[in-house]
Amino acid sequence: MTFLARRWARATLMAALICAPSAAPADQSSRGKDKRDDILMGSVVKSDSWSMDRNTDTEHFSGNVSFSHPGYSLRADEAVYYRGRQEWNIKGRVAVRRLLEDGSTVDLSCHRARYAETGERAELFRGTEAVRSVYTAPDGRRLKARSDRLLASGEENVMTFEKDFSLASENIVIVSSRAVYDNAAASFLITGDRPLAAGVNEDYNFAMSADRLLFFRDSRDMRASGSVAGWVKDKEAADAAAR
């Protein structure tokens, strides 16, 4: 089962790419990958039933499918591994959790997912509920994202959110139809259908739209560009006027 577990673990690593540490320098990348694979050795994929179809060269895991490791976990109702094309199809209440080295966590949930080992590409799809991701920082702050579809590329170190995208922090909400998360910069480039952002802090309320919004995961800073429009209201003045 170790061979299968290592393949399954790569799927969890890809699904949690959104808040993975920045990529290592080129001269360190191979060492980092080898160390990661060593950690995954001995892990086990569990399910209520397992079967192999030699005609289609596929392996089927059904019922309470799970992969667990101190740093990673994945649960689903069923999974199929296509040996020839080295691809996983995962379906039914898919839930992923990753614990990062700095103590932060990433939780992902969706109805269906696909992971291709060649090219290290993952796709997550909505069912009746949107694809959801929650990043919880070491200080407890949360960043929540939703979309109809999520694509992750290990080679490019980016994730793309498509259709009905929303991003919410403690004091800001951003909605649009598309966003690209760049792991190296820890930022979201939000485009499509003129993104809209609204928020509040101790000093003011605001709302704005623009052709592009750039939101930084850790600092919560945001930059807008391209036909920027909106308003900012001083909270103290607004409260005084209301009285």
Foldseek 3Di string as FASTA:
>chain_A
DQVVQLLVVLQLCQVQLLAAAAQDPPVCNVVVVVVVSVQSGPWDWDAPDWDADPVQRKIKGAHFTWTDHVFKIWTAGIWMARVVQGKIKTAHFIWIKGQYPQRKMKIWTAGIKMFGPVQGKIKGAHDPAWIKMWIAHPVGWIKIKTAGMKMGGPVQSKMKGAQFIWIDTPWKIKTAGIWMAHNNQQKIKGAHPFMKMWGDDPFKTWIKTARIKIAHRPVRDIDGDHPIDIDIGTPVVVVVVVD
